[in-house]
């Protein structure tokens, strides 16, 4: 689990995923309350802000369905 200090709060990010989009990889950290954050580098320092019809969204939605299904079976 990765934790980030944001002002006076600490947000812990649990699952992460690497999506293959076109000819590159997009890294994603996910927080159940804050949602996903996408990055273009493996160190997760360069934030990627996808637009509405970005090809990363269908991959994220597929991953989120699997993530929620796994959480519901516990």
PDB file of N, CA and C in Angstrom:
ATOM      1  N   UNK A   1       0.842  -1.166   0.000  1.00  0.00           N
ATOM      2  CA  UNK A   1       0.000   0.000   0.000  1.00  0.00           C
ATOM      3  C   UNK A   1       0.897   1.242   0.000  1.00  0.00           C
ATOM      4  N   UNK A   2       0.604   2.165  -0.880  1.00  0.00           N
ATOM      5  CA  UNK A   2       1.337   3.417  -0.986  1.00  0.00           C
ATOM      6  C   UNK A   2       0.519   4.529  -0.346  1.00  0.00           C
ATOM      7  N   UNK A   3       1.157   5.361   0.480  1.00  0.00           N
ATOM      8  CA  UNK A   3       0.458   6.471   1.119  1.00  0.00           C
ATOM      9  C   UNK A   3       1.087   7.790   0.696  1.00  0.00           C
ATOM     10  N   UNK A   4       0.239   8.765   0.388  1.00  0.00           N
ATOM     11  CA  UNK A   4       0.678  10.093  -0.034  1.00  0.00           C
ATOM     12  C   UNK A   4       0.151  11.128   0.948  1.00  0.00           C
ATOM     13  N   UNK A   5       0.999  12.085   1.313  1.00  0.00           N
ATOM     14  CA  UNK A   5       0.554  13.194   2.159  1.00  0.00           C
ATOM     15  C   UNK A   5       0.016  14.281   1.238  1.00  0.00           C
ATOM     16  N   UNK A   6      -1.232  14.684   1.472  1.00  0.00           N
ATOM     17  CA  UNK A   6      -1.876  15.751   0.714  1.00  0.00           C
ATOM     18  C   UNK A   6      -2.336  16.784   1.731  1.00  0.00           C
ATOM     19  N   UNK A   7      -1.569  17.836   1.894  1.00  0.00           N
ATOM     20  CA  UNK A   7      -1.895  18.835   2.900  1.00  0.00           C
ATOM     21  C   UNK A   7      -1.803  18.238   4.290  1.00  0.00           C
ATOM     22  N   UNK A   8      -2.899  18.290   5.030  1.00  0.00           N
ATOM     23  CA  UNK A   8      -2.945  17.712   6.374  1.00  0.00           C
ATOM     24  C   UNK A   8      -3.533  16.313   6.384  1.00  0.00           C
ATOM     25  N   UNK A   9      -3.715  15.720   5.217  1.00  0.00           N
ATOM     26  CA  UNK A   9      -4.317  14.384   5.135  1.00  0.00           C
ATOM     27  C   UNK A   9      -3.326  13.402   4.530  1.00  0.00           C
ATOM     28  N   UNK A  10      -3.553  12.142   4.778  1.00  0.00           N
ATOM     29  CA  UNK A  10      -2.776  11.066   4.168  1.00  0.00           C
ATOM     30  C   UNK A  10      -3.755  10.171   3.430  1.00  0.00           C
ATOM     31  N   UNK A  11      -3.501   9.955   2.137  1.00  0.00           N
ATOM     32  CA  UNK A  11      -4.346   9.097   1.316  1.00  0.00           C
ATOM     33  C   UNK A  11      -3.533   7.864   0.947  1.00  0.00           C
ATOM     34  N   UNK A  12      -4.055   6.690   1.257  1.00  0.00           N
ATOM     35  CA  UNK A  12      -3.362   5.438   0.949  1.00  0.00           C
ATOM     36  C   UNK A  12      -3.970   4.816  -0.301  1.00  0.00           C
ATOM     37  N   UNK A  13      -3.107   4.442  -1.219  1.00  0.00           N
ATOM     38  CA  UNK A  13      -3.504   3.863  -2.496  1.00  0.00           C
ATOM     39  C   UNK A  13      -3.172   2.375  -2.445  1.00  0.00           C
ATOM     40  N   UNK A  14      -4.149   1.546  -2.656  1.00  0.00           N
ATOM     41  CA  UNK A  14      -3.899   0.120  -2.547  1.00  0.00           C
ATOM     42  C   UNK A  14      -3.625  -0.522  -3.907  1.00  0.00           C
ATOM     43  N   UNK A  15      -4.622  -0.745  -4.739  1.00  0.00           N
ATOM     44  CA  UNK A  15      -4.325  -1.439  -5.993  1.00  0.00           C
ATOM     45  C   UNK A  15      -3.757  -0.496  -7.049  1.00  0.00           C
ATOM     46  N   UNK A  16      -2.942  -1.056  -7.917  1.00  0.00           N
ATOM     47  CA  UNK A  16      -2.439  -0.317  -9.064  1.00  0.00           C
ATOM     48  C   UNK A  16      -2.441  -1.261 -10.254  1.00  0.00           C
ATOM     49  N   UNK A  17      -2.387  -0.695 -11.435  1.00  0.00           N
ATOM     50  CA  UNK A  17      -2.476  -1.490 -12.652  1.00  0.00           C
ATOM     51  C   UNK A  17      -1.694  -0.798 -13.754  1.00  0.00           C
ATOM     52  N   UNK A  18      -1.173  -1.578 -14.676  1.00  0.00           N
ATOM     53  CA  UNK A  18      -0.506  -1.051 -15.857  1.00  0.00           C
ATOM     54  C   UNK A  18      -1.365  -1.409 -17.060  1.00  0.00           C
ATOM     55  N   UNK A  19      -1.836  -0.392 -17.774  1.00  0.00           N
ATOM     56  CA  UNK A  19      -2.670  -0.596 -18.958  1.00  0.00           C
ATOM     57  C   UNK A  19      -1.828  -0.377 -20.211  1.00  0.00           C
ATOM     58  N   UNK A  20      -1.984  -1.270 -21.185  1.00  0.00           N
ATOM     59  CA  UNK A  20      -1.318  -1.111 -22.482  1.00  0.00           C
ATOM     60  C   UNK A  20      -2.290  -0.383 -23.401  1.00  0.00           C
ATOM     61  N   UNK A  21      -1.967   0.876 -23.730  1.00  0.00           N
ATOM     62  CA  UNK A  21      -2.833   1.720 -24.560  1.00  0.00           C
ATOM     63  C   UNK A  21      -2.038   2.111 -25.805  1.00  0.00           C
ATOM     64  N   UNK A  22      -2.429   1.569 -26.934  1.00  0.00           N
ATOM     65  CA  UNK A  22      -1.717   1.872 -28.173  1.00  0.00           C
ATOM     66  C   UNK A  22      -0.297   1.354 -28.115  1.00  0.00           C
ATOM     67  N   UNK A  23       0.677   2.250 -28.267  1.00  0.00           N
ATOM     68  CA  UNK A  23       2.078   1.841 -28.241  1.00  0.00           C
ATOM     69  C   UNK A  23       2.779   2.272 -26.950  1.00  0.00           C
ATOM     70  N   UNK A  24       2.027   2.492 -25.872  1.00  0.00           N
ATOM     71  CA  UNK A  24       2.616   2.897 -24.602  1.00  0.00           C
ATOM     72  C   UNK A  24       1.859   2.267 -23.445  1.00  0.00           C
ATOM     73  N   UNK A  25       2.397   2.457 -22.262  1.00  0.00           N
ATOM     74  CA  UNK A  25       1.764   1.969 -21.046  1.00  0.00           C
ATOM     75  C   UNK A  25       1.316   3.153 -20.202  1.00  0.00           C
ATOM     76  N   UNK A  26       0.150   3.021 -19.585  1.00  0.00           N
ATOM     77  CA  UNK A  26      -0.378   4.007 -18.651  1.00  0.00           C
ATOM     78  C   UNK A  26      -0.501   3.305 -17.293  1.00  0.00           C
ATOM     79  N   UNK A  27       0.140   3.869 -16.282  1.00  0.00           N
ATOM     80  CA  UNK A  27       0.045   3.320 -14.929  1.00  0.00           C
ATOM     81  C   UNK A  27      -1.155   3.952 -14.222  1.00  0.00           C
ATOM     82  N   UNK A  28      -1.776   3.170 -13.343  1.00  0.00           N
ATOM     83  CA  UNK A  28      -2.947   3.667 -12.640  1.00  0.00           C
ATOM     84  C   UNK A  28      -2.857   3.275 -11.172  1.00  0.00           C
ATOM     85  N   UNK A  29      -3.105   4.238 -10.298  1.00  0.00           N
ATOM     86  CA  UNK A  29      -3.308   3.982  -8.872  1.00  0.00           C
ATOM     87  C   UNK A  29      -4.776   4.225  -8.596  1.00  0.00           C
ATOM     88  N   UNK A  30      -5.374   3.413  -7.729  1.00  0.00           N
ATOM     89  CA  UNK A  30      -6.812   3.523  -7.482  1.00  0.00           C
ATOM     90  C   UNK A  30      -7.087   3.665  -5.995  1.00  0.00           C
ATOM     91  N   UNK A  31      -7.937   4.608  -5.670  1.00  0.00           N
ATOM     92  CA  UNK A  31      -8.423   4.786  -4.302  1.00  0.00           C
ATOM     93  C   UNK A  31      -9.947   4.708  -4.353  1.00  0.00           C
ATOM     94  N   UNK A  32     -10.586   3.887  -3.508  1.00  0.00           N
ATOM     95  CA  UNK A  32     -12.038   3.716  -3.587  1.00  0.00           C
ATOM     96  C   UNK A  32     -12.830   5.016  -3.449  1.00  0.00           C
ATOM     97  N   UNK A  33     -12.334   5.974  -2.682  1.00  0.00           N
ATOM     98  CA  UNK A  33     -13.057   7.233  -2.507  1.00  0.00           C
ATOM     99  C   UNK A  33     -12.626   8.288  -3.523  1.00  0.00           C
ATOM    100  N   UNK A  34     -11.330   8.417  -3.755  1.00  0.00           N
ATOM    101  CA  UNK A  34     -10.798   9.451  -4.659  1.00  0.00           C
ATOM    102  C   UNK A  34     -10.840   9.046  -6.126  1.00  0.00           C
ATOM    103  N   UNK A  35     -10.894   7.757  -6.409  1.00  0.00           N
ATOM    104  CA  UNK A  35     -10.928   7.289  -7.788  1.00  0.00           C
ATOM    105  C   UNK A  35      -9.540   7.040  -8.350  1.00  0.00           C
ATOM    106  N   UNK A  36      -9.451   6.905  -9.674  1.00  0.00           N
ATOM    107  CA  UNK A  36      -8.159   6.568 -10.280  1.00  0.00           C
ATOM    108  C   UNK A  36      -7.292   7.802 -10.537  1.00  0.00           C
ATOM    109  N   UNK A  37      -5.993   7.565 -10.519  1.00  0.00           N
ATOM    110  CA  UNK A  37      -5.018   8.547 -10.979  1.00  0.00           C
ATOM    111  C   UNK A  37      -4.136   7.839 -11.987  1.00  0.00           C
ATOM    112  N   UNK A  38      -3.978   8.434 -13.155  1.00  0.00           N
ATOM    113  CA  UNK A  38      -3.209   7.819 -14.231  1.00  0.00           C
ATOM    114  C   UNK A  38      -1.871   8.525 -14.380  1.00  0.00           C
ATOM    115  N   UNK A  39      -0.847   7.763 -14.755  1.00  0.00           N
ATOM    116  CA  UNK A  39       0.502   8.293 -14.922  1.00  0.00           C
ATOM    117  C   UNK A  39       1.103   7.745 -16.210  1.00  0.00           C
ATOM    118  N   UNK A  40       2.037   8.508 -16.787  1.00  0.00           N
ATOM    119  CA  UNK A  40       2.690   8.063 -18.019  1.00  0.00           C
ATOM    120  C   UNK A  40       4.047   7.427 -17.757  1.00  0.00           C
ATOM    121  N   UNK A  41       4.538   7.480 -16.526  1.00  0.00           N
ATOM    122  CA  UNK A  41       5.831   6.870 -16.214  1.00  0.00           C
ATOM    123  C   UNK A  41       5.675   5.857 -15.091  1.00  0.00           C
ATOM    124  N   UNK A  42       6.615   4.934 -15.036  1.00  0.00           N
ATOM    125  CA  UNK A  42       6.556   3.848 -14.059  1.00  0.00           C
ATOM    126  C   UNK A  42       6.727   4.341 -12.622  1.00  0.00           C
ATOM    127  N   UNK A  43       7.422   5.458 -12.432  1.00  0.00           N
ATOM    128  CA  UNK A  43       7.616   6.004 -11.091  1.00  0.00           C
ATOM    129  C   UNK A  43       6.377   6.743 -10.586  1.00  0.00           C
ATOM    130  N   UNK A  44       5.367   6.880 -11.433  1.00  0.00           N
ATOM    131  CA  UNK A  44       4.117   7.559 -11.086  1.00  0.00           C
ATOM    132  C   UNK A  44       4.357   9.002 -10.642  1.00  0.00           C
ATOM    133  N   UNK A  45       5.145   9.717 -11.447  1.00  0.00           N
ATOM    134  CA  UNK A  45       5.410  11.119 -11.160  1.00  0.00           C
ATOM    135  C   UNK A  45       4.818  12.049 -12.215  1.00  0.00           C
ATOM    136  N   UNK A  46       4.569  11.552 -13.418  1.00  0.00           N
ATOM    137  CA  UNK A  46       4.016  12.371 -14.488  1.00  0.00           C
ATOM    138  C   UNK A  46       2.541  12.024 -14.672  1.00  0.00           C
ATOM    139  N   UNK A  47       1.670  12.878 -14.173  1.00  0.00           N
ATOM    140  CA  UNK A  47       0.228  12.624 -14.192  1.00  0.00           C
ATOM    141  C   UNK A  47      -0.301  12.695 -15.620  1.00  0.00           C
ATOM    142  N   UNK A  48      -1.174  11.755 -15.937  1.00  0.00           N
ATOM    143  CA  UNK A  48      -1.836  11.702 -17.245  1.00  0.00           C
ATOM    144  C   UNK A  48      -3.312  11.977 -17.004  1.00  0.00           C
ATOM    145  N   UNK A  49      -3.858  12.991 -17.648  1.00  0.00           N
ATOM    146  CA  UNK A  49      -5.257  13.376 -17.465  1.00  0.00           C
ATOM    147  C   UNK A  49      -6.046  12.971 -18.709  1.00  0.00           C
ATOM    148  N   UNK A  50      -6.703  11.809 -18.693  1.00  0.00           N
ATOM    149  CA  UNK A  50      -7.419  11.352 -19.887  1.00  0.00           C
ATOM    150  C   UNK A  50      -8.671  12.180 -20.162  1.00  0.00           C
ATOM    151  N   UNK A  51      -8.939  12.385 -21.446  1.00  0.00           N
ATOM    152  CA  UNK A  51     -10.155  13.095 -21.856  1.00  0.00           C
ATOM    153  C   UNK A  51     -11.330  12.118 -21.846  1.00  0.00           C
ATOM    154  N   UNK A  52     -12.507  12.595 -22.183  1.00  0.00           N
ATOM    155  CA  UNK A  52     -13.730  11.789 -22.068  1.00  0.00           C
ATOM    156  C   UNK A  52     -13.689  10.496 -22.889  1.00  0.00           C
ATOM    157  N   UNK A  53     -13.257  10.556 -24.129  1.00  0.00           N
ATOM    158  CA  UNK A  53     -13.254   9.373 -24.999  1.00  0.00           C
ATOM    159  C   UNK A  53     -11.872   8.750 -25.131  1.00  0.00           C
ATOM    160  N   UNK A  54     -11.040   8.900 -24.131  1.00  0.00           N
ATOM    161  CA  UNK A  54      -9.685   8.352 -24.152  1.00  0.00           C
ATOM    162  C   UNK A  54      -9.740   6.823 -24.149  1.00  0.00           C
ATOM    163  N   UNK A  55      -8.842   6.150 -24.873  1.00  0.00           N
ATOM    164  CA  UNK A  55      -8.865   4.680 -24.918  1.00  0.00           C
ATOM    165  C   UNK A  55      -8.536   4.004 -23.591  1.00  0.00           C
ATOM    166  N   UNK A  56      -8.077   4.745 -22.589  1.00  0.00           N
ATOM    167  CA  UNK A  56      -7.792   4.130 -21.300  1.00  0.00           C
ATOM    168  C   UNK A  56      -9.076   3.833 -20.522  1.00  0.00           C
ATOM    169  N   UNK A  57     -10.161   4.563 -20.776  1.00  0.00           N
ATOM    170  CA  UNK A  57     -11.391   4.378 -19.998  1.00  0.00           C
ATOM    171  C   UNK A  57     -12.024   3.001 -20.152  1.00  0.00           C
ATOM    172  N   UNK A  58     -12.151   2.432 -21.361  1.00  0.00           N
ATOM    173  CA  UNK A  58     -12.704   1.064 -21.436  1.00  0.00           C
ATOM    174  C   UNK A  58     -11.851   0.040 -20.690  1.00  0.00           C
ATOM    175  N   UNK A  59     -10.524   0.207 -20.734  1.00  0.00           N
ATOM    176  CA  UNK A  59      -9.645  -0.704 -19.992  1.00  0.00           C
ATOM    177  C   UNK A  59      -9.839  -0.537 -18.489  1.00  0.00           C
ATOM    178  N   UNK A  60      -9.960   0.714 -18.047  1.00  0.00           N
ATOM    179  CA  UNK A  60     -10.183   0.964 -16.631  1.00  0.00           C
ATOM    180  C   UNK A  60     -11.522   0.393 -16.176  1.00  0.00           C
ATOM    181  N   UNK A  61     -12.583   0.590 -16.960  1.00  0.00           N
ATOM    182  CA  UNK A  61     -13.907   0.076 -16.583  1.00  0.00           C
ATOM    183  C   UNK A  61     -13.913  -1.442 -16.487  1.00  0.00           C
ATOM    184  N   UNK A  62     -13.212  -2.105 -17.394  1.00  0.00           N
ATOM    185  CA  UNK A  62     -13.107  -3.565 -17.339  1.00  0.00           C
ATOM    186  C   UNK A  62     -12.371  -3.993 -16.062  1.00  0.00           C
ATOM    187  N   UNK A  63     -11.271  -3.299 -15.737  1.00  0.00           N
ATOM    188  CA  UNK A  63     -10.534  -3.597 -14.523  1.00  0.00           C
ATOM    189  C   UNK A  63     -11.390  -3.334 -13.285  1.00  0.00           C
ATOM    190  N   UNK A  64     -12.128  -2.221 -13.285  1.00  0.00           N
ATOM    191  CA  UNK A  64     -12.957  -1.865 -12.135  1.00  0.00           C
ATOM    192  C   UNK A  64     -14.058  -2.899 -11.904  1.00  0.00           C
ATOM    193  N   UNK A  65     -14.645  -3.422 -12.963  1.00  0.00           N
ATOM    194  CA  UNK A  65     -15.651  -4.484 -12.814  1.00  0.00           C
ATOM    195  C   UNK A  65     -15.055  -5.704 -12.140  1.00  0.00           C
ATOM    196  N   UNK A  66     -13.844  -6.107 -12.550  1.00  0.00           N
ATOM    197  CA  UNK A  66     -13.176  -7.255 -11.933  1.00  0.00           C
ATOM    198  C   UNK A  66     -12.812  -6.963 -10.471  1.00  0.00           C
ATOM    199  N   UNK A  67     -12.361  -5.745 -10.222  1.00  0.00           N
ATOM    200  CA  UNK A  67     -11.980  -5.344  -8.860  1.00  0.00           C
ATOM    201  C   UNK A  67     -13.198  -5.379  -7.936  1.00  0.00           C
ATOM    202  N   UNK A  68     -14.317  -4.829  -8.379  1.00  0.00           N
ATOM    203  CA  UNK A  68     -15.531  -4.824  -7.563  1.00  0.00           C
ATOM    204  C   UNK A  68     -16.074  -6.225  -7.371  1.00  0.00           C
ATOM    205  N   UNK A  69     -16.006  -7.084  -8.388  1.00  0.00           N
ATOM    206  CA  UNK A  69     -16.462  -8.462  -8.254  1.00  0.00           C
ATOM    207  C   UNK A  69     -15.620  -9.212  -7.230  1.00  0.00           C
ATOM    208  N   UNK A  70     -14.320  -8.982  -7.246  1.00  0.00           N
ATOM    209  CA  UNK A  70     -13.435  -9.649  -6.273  1.00  0.00           C
ATOM    210  C   UNK A  70     -13.711  -9.148  -4.853  1.00  0.00           C
ATOM    211  N   UNK A  71     -13.981  -7.854  -4.700  1.00  0.00           N
ATOM    212  CA  UNK A  71     -14.293  -7.300  -3.378  1.00  0.00           C
ATOM    213  C   UNK A  71     -15.625  -7.834  -2.846  1.00  0.00           C
ATOM    214  N   UNK A  72     -16.579  -8.056  -3.737  1.00  0.00           N
ATOM    215  CA  UNK A  72     -17.898  -8.524  -3.300  1.00  0.00           C
ATOM    216  C   UNK A  72     -17.902  -9.996  -2.916  1.00  0.00           C
ATOM    217  N   UNK A  73     -16.926 -10.759  -3.365  1.00  0.00           N
ATOM    218  CA  UNK A  73     -16.883 -12.187  -3.028  1.00  0.00           C
ATOM    219  C   UNK A  73     -16.176 -12.439  -1.710  1.00  0.00           C
ATOM    220  N   UNK A  74     -15.548 -11.414  -1.123  1.00  0.00           N
ATOM    221  CA  UNK A  74     -14.831 -11.608   0.152  1.00  0.00           C
ATOM    222  C   UNK A  74     -15.783 -11.583   1.314  1.00  0.00           C
TER     223      UNK A  74
END
